[in-house]
Amino acid sequence: MTPAHDIPSHSKAVQRKRLLDALREYNVITTDDAREYLGISHPAGRIKELRESGHRIVTEMRWTYDHNEYKRRLAHYVYQGANHAQ
């Protein structure tokens, strides 16, 4: 994935496209990956919009440790296809 600082546009539409492309390619994207590599400051909002447009995306909450070794939950978004033809 390209670091977010190299991505030219941060509009919601462009963020949704980047997120959907990444989900289709990798099948699973975490909140941290969406922020760091895709430049999406509010991944849950973009996921909600993608679901509303007919994409099946499951959220799996998993426990992990951050860089300071604090335990926290992290969303893993799993792409399961679209409910409509695209």
N, C-alpha and C. Protein backbone atom coordinates (compact mmCIF):
# COMPACT_ATOMS: atom_id res chain seq x y z
N MET A 1 0.84 -1.19 0.00
CA MET A 1 0.00 0.00 0.00
C MET A 1 0.88 1.25 0.00
N THR A 2 0.39 2.29 -0.61
CA THR A 2 1.08 3.57 -0.66
C THR A 2 0.83 4.34 0.63
N PRO A 3 1.86 4.97 1.22
CA PRO A 3 1.63 5.79 2.41
C PRO A 3 0.63 6.90 2.12
N ALA A 4 -0.17 7.26 3.11
CA ALA A 4 -1.26 8.23 2.92
C ALA A 4 -0.76 9.59 2.43
N HIS A 5 0.42 10.00 2.83
CA HIS A 5 0.89 11.33 2.43
C HIS A 5 1.15 11.44 0.93
N ASP A 6 1.22 10.31 0.23
CA ASP A 6 1.42 10.32 -1.22
C ASP A 6 0.12 10.26 -2.00
N ILE A 7 -1.01 10.23 -1.31
CA ILE A 7 -2.31 10.12 -1.96
C ILE A 7 -2.89 11.52 -2.15
N PRO A 8 -3.26 11.90 -3.39
CA PRO A 8 -3.61 13.28 -3.69
C PRO A 8 -4.93 13.81 -3.14
N SER A 9 -6.00 13.04 -3.08
CA SER A 9 -7.29 13.58 -2.70
C SER A 9 -7.84 12.90 -1.45
N HIS A 10 -8.49 13.70 -0.62
CA HIS A 10 -9.06 13.15 0.61
C HIS A 10 -10.58 13.34 0.65
N SER A 11 -11.24 13.52 -0.50
CA SER A 11 -12.69 13.64 -0.51
C SER A 11 -13.29 12.30 -0.08
N LYS A 12 -14.52 12.33 0.44
CA LYS A 12 -15.17 11.10 0.88
C LYS A 12 -15.31 10.10 -0.26
N ALA A 13 -15.66 10.59 -1.45
CA ALA A 13 -15.83 9.69 -2.59
C ALA A 13 -14.52 8.99 -2.94
N VAL A 14 -13.43 9.72 -2.92
CA VAL A 14 -12.13 9.13 -3.23
C VAL A 14 -11.72 8.17 -2.12
N GLN A 15 -11.99 8.54 -0.88
CA GLN A 15 -11.68 7.64 0.23
C GLN A 15 -12.47 6.33 0.13
N ARG A 16 -13.75 6.42 -0.22
CA ARG A 16 -14.56 5.20 -0.38
C ARG A 16 -13.98 4.32 -1.48
N LYS A 17 -13.59 4.91 -2.59
CA LYS A 17 -13.02 4.13 -3.69
C LYS A 17 -11.72 3.47 -3.27
N ARG A 18 -10.85 4.22 -2.60
CA ARG A 18 -9.58 3.65 -2.13
C ARG A 18 -9.83 2.48 -1.17
N LEU A 19 -10.77 2.68 -0.25
CA LEU A 19 -11.07 1.65 0.74
C LEU A 19 -11.67 0.41 0.06
N LEU A 20 -12.60 0.61 -0.85
CA LEU A 20 -13.21 -0.51 -1.56
C LEU A 20 -12.17 -1.26 -2.40
N ASP A 21 -11.31 -0.53 -3.10
CA ASP A 21 -10.25 -1.17 -3.88
C ASP A 21 -9.33 -2.01 -2.99
N ALA A 22 -8.97 -1.46 -1.83
CA ALA A 22 -8.10 -2.18 -0.90
C ALA A 22 -8.80 -3.41 -0.33
N LEU A 23 -10.09 -3.28 0.01
CA LEU A 23 -10.84 -4.43 0.52
C LEU A 23 -10.92 -5.53 -0.54
N ARG A 24 -11.16 -5.15 -1.78
CA ARG A 24 -11.23 -6.15 -2.85
C ARG A 24 -9.88 -6.84 -3.07
N GLU A 25 -8.80 -6.09 -2.94
CA GLU A 25 -7.48 -6.67 -3.15
C GLU A 25 -7.00 -7.51 -1.97
N TYR A 26 -7.18 -7.00 -0.75
CA TYR A 26 -6.62 -7.66 0.43
C TYR A 26 -7.65 -8.45 1.24
N ASN A 27 -8.94 -8.22 1.00
CA ASN A 27 -10.06 -8.86 1.68
C ASN A 27 -10.26 -8.35 3.11
N VAL A 28 -9.20 -8.00 3.83
CA VAL A 28 -9.31 -7.50 5.20
C VAL A 28 -8.47 -6.25 5.33
N ILE A 29 -9.06 -5.20 5.92
CA ILE A 29 -8.35 -3.96 6.20
C ILE A 29 -8.65 -3.58 7.65
N THR A 30 -7.64 -3.22 8.40
CA THR A 30 -7.87 -2.76 9.77
C THR A 30 -8.08 -1.25 9.78
N THR A 31 -8.62 -0.77 10.87
CA THR A 31 -8.78 0.67 11.04
C THR A 31 -7.43 1.37 10.93
N ASP A 32 -6.41 0.79 11.57
CA ASP A 32 -5.07 1.38 11.51
C ASP A 32 -4.53 1.44 10.09
N ASP A 33 -4.72 0.36 9.31
CA ASP A 33 -4.26 0.35 7.92
C ASP A 33 -4.99 1.41 7.09
N ALA A 34 -6.30 1.53 7.31
CA ALA A 34 -7.08 2.51 6.55
C ALA A 34 -6.58 3.93 6.84
N ARG A 35 -6.25 4.20 8.08
CA ARG A 35 -5.76 5.54 8.43
C ARG A 35 -4.35 5.78 7.89
N GLU A 36 -3.45 4.83 8.16
CA GLU A 36 -2.04 5.03 7.82
C GLU A 36 -1.75 4.94 6.33
N TYR A 37 -2.28 3.92 5.67
CA TYR A 37 -1.93 3.67 4.28
C TYR A 37 -2.91 4.24 3.26
N LEU A 38 -4.18 4.42 3.69
CA LEU A 38 -5.18 4.91 2.75
C LEU A 38 -5.58 6.35 3.00
N GLY A 39 -5.10 6.94 4.09
CA GLY A 39 -5.40 8.34 4.39
C GLY A 39 -6.85 8.59 4.76
N ILE A 40 -7.48 7.62 5.42
CA ILE A 40 -8.88 7.75 5.79
C ILE A 40 -8.95 8.01 7.29
N SER A 41 -9.37 9.21 7.66
CA SER A 41 -9.37 9.57 9.07
C SER A 41 -10.53 8.95 9.84
N HIS A 42 -11.63 8.62 9.15
CA HIS A 42 -12.80 8.03 9.81
C HIS A 42 -13.23 6.78 9.03
N PRO A 43 -12.47 5.68 9.17
CA PRO A 43 -12.78 4.47 8.42
C PRO A 43 -14.19 3.94 8.66
N ALA A 44 -14.67 4.00 9.88
CA ALA A 44 -16.01 3.48 10.17
C ALA A 44 -17.08 4.21 9.36
N GLY A 45 -16.91 5.50 9.17
CA GLY A 45 -17.85 6.28 8.37
C GLY A 45 -17.85 5.85 6.92
N ARG A 46 -16.67 5.60 6.36
CA ARG A 46 -16.59 5.16 4.97
C ARG A 46 -17.14 3.75 4.82
N ILE A 47 -16.90 2.88 5.80
CA ILE A 47 -17.45 1.53 5.78
C ILE A 47 -18.97 1.59 5.80
N LYS A 48 -19.52 2.44 6.64
CA LYS A 48 -20.98 2.61 6.71
C LYS A 48 -21.54 3.02 5.35
N GLU A 49 -20.88 3.97 4.71
CA GLU A 49 -21.33 4.43 3.39
C GLU A 49 -21.25 3.32 2.34
N LEU A 50 -20.18 2.52 2.40
CA LEU A 50 -20.06 1.40 1.47
C LEU A 50 -21.16 0.36 1.71
N ARG A 51 -21.46 0.11 2.97
CA ARG A 51 -22.55 -0.83 3.28
C ARG A 51 -23.88 -0.29 2.75
N GLU A 52 -24.11 1.00 2.93
CA GLU A 52 -25.35 1.61 2.46
C GLU A 52 -25.48 1.55 0.94
N SER A 53 -24.35 1.46 0.24
CA SER A 53 -24.40 1.37 -1.22
C SER A 53 -24.42 -0.08 -1.70
N GLY A 54 -24.55 -1.03 -0.77
CA GLY A 54 -24.76 -2.42 -1.14
C GLY A 54 -23.60 -3.38 -0.97
N HIS A 55 -22.54 -2.95 -0.33
CA HIS A 55 -21.40 -3.85 -0.11
C HIS A 55 -21.53 -4.56 1.23
N ARG A 56 -21.23 -5.86 1.20
CA ARG A 56 -21.27 -6.66 2.42
C ARG A 56 -19.88 -6.62 3.06
N ILE A 57 -19.80 -5.95 4.20
CA ILE A 57 -18.54 -5.80 4.92
C ILE A 57 -18.82 -6.13 6.39
N VAL A 58 -18.11 -7.11 6.91
CA VAL A 58 -18.27 -7.54 8.29
C VAL A 58 -17.17 -6.90 9.13
N THR A 59 -17.53 -6.44 10.31
CA THR A 59 -16.55 -5.90 11.25
C THR A 59 -16.24 -6.95 12.30
N GLU A 60 -14.99 -7.31 12.41
CA GLU A 60 -14.53 -8.22 13.45
C GLU A 60 -13.65 -7.43 14.40
N MET A 61 -14.03 -7.38 15.66
CA MET A 61 -13.23 -6.67 16.67
C MET A 61 -12.26 -7.67 17.30
N ARG A 62 -10.99 -7.32 17.28
CA ARG A 62 -9.95 -8.21 17.83
C ARG A 62 -9.09 -7.43 18.81
N TRP A 63 -8.65 -8.13 19.83
CA TRP A 63 -7.73 -7.52 20.79
C TRP A 63 -6.32 -7.52 20.20
N THR A 64 -5.61 -6.42 20.42
CA THR A 64 -4.24 -6.28 19.94
C THR A 64 -3.49 -5.38 20.91
N TYR A 65 -2.23 -5.17 20.66
CA TYR A 65 -1.41 -4.26 21.47
C TYR A 65 -0.87 -3.15 20.58
N ASP A 66 -0.89 -1.93 21.10
CA ASP A 66 -0.35 -0.82 20.32
C ASP A 66 1.16 -0.74 20.52
N HIS A 67 1.79 0.28 19.94
CA HIS A 67 3.26 0.40 20.00
C HIS A 67 3.78 0.64 21.42
N ASN A 68 2.90 1.05 22.34
CA ASN A 68 3.28 1.21 23.75
C ASN A 68 2.93 -0.02 24.57
N GLU A 69 2.49 -1.07 23.89
CA GLU A 69 2.10 -2.33 24.49
C GLU A 69 0.86 -2.23 25.37
N TYR A 70 -0.04 -1.28 25.03
CA TYR A 70 -1.34 -1.19 25.68
C TYR A 70 -2.31 -2.07 24.90
N LYS A 71 -3.08 -2.85 25.64
CA LYS A 71 -4.06 -3.72 25.00
C LYS A 71 -5.26 -2.87 24.56
N ARG A 72 -5.70 -3.11 23.33
CA ARG A 72 -6.85 -2.38 22.80
C ARG A 72 -7.55 -3.22 21.74
N ARG A 73 -8.78 -2.83 21.42
CA ARG A 73 -9.53 -3.52 20.38
C ARG A 73 -9.31 -2.79 19.05
N LEU A 74 -9.22 -3.58 18.00
CA LEU A 74 -8.98 -3.03 16.67
C LEU A 74 -9.98 -3.65 15.70
N ALA A 75 -10.64 -2.80 14.93
CA ALA A 75 -11.61 -3.29 13.93
C ALA A 75 -10.88 -3.84 12.72
N HIS A 76 -11.31 -5.01 12.29
CA HIS A 76 -10.86 -5.64 11.05
C HIS A 76 -12.09 -5.70 10.15
N TYR A 77 -12.04 -5.02 9.01
CA TYR A 77 -13.16 -4.99 8.08
C TYR A 77 -12.93 -6.07 7.02
N VAL A 78 -13.88 -6.98 6.91
CA VAL A 78 -13.76 -8.13 6.01
C VAL A 78 -14.76 -7.95 4.87
N TYR A 79 -14.24 -7.91 3.65
CA TYR A 79 -15.09 -7.72 2.47
C TYR A 79 -15.69 -9.05 2.03
N GLN A 80 -17.02 -9.06 1.83
CA GLN A 80 -17.71 -10.28 1.43
C GLN A 80 -18.52 -10.08 0.14
N GLY A 81 -18.14 -9.10 -0.65
CA GLY A 81 -18.79 -8.89 -1.94
C GLY A 81 -19.86 -7.81 -1.89
N ALA A 82 -20.58 -7.71 -2.99
CA ALA A 82 -21.62 -6.69 -3.14
C ALA A 82 -22.96 -7.36 -3.28
N ASN A 83 -24.00 -6.67 -2.84
CA ASN A 83 -25.37 -7.16 -2.96
C ASN A 83 -25.98 -6.85 -4.30
N HIS A 84 -25.25 -6.17 -5.17
CA HIS A 84 -25.77 -5.75 -6.47
C HIS A 84 -24.67 -5.88 -7.51
N ALA A 85 -25.06 -5.88 -8.75
CA ALA A 85 -24.07 -5.93 -9.84
C ALA A 85 -23.39 -4.58 -9.96
N GLN A 86 -22.09 -4.60 -10.23
CA GLN A 86 -21.35 -3.34 -10.33
C GLN A 86 -20.74 -3.18 -11.69
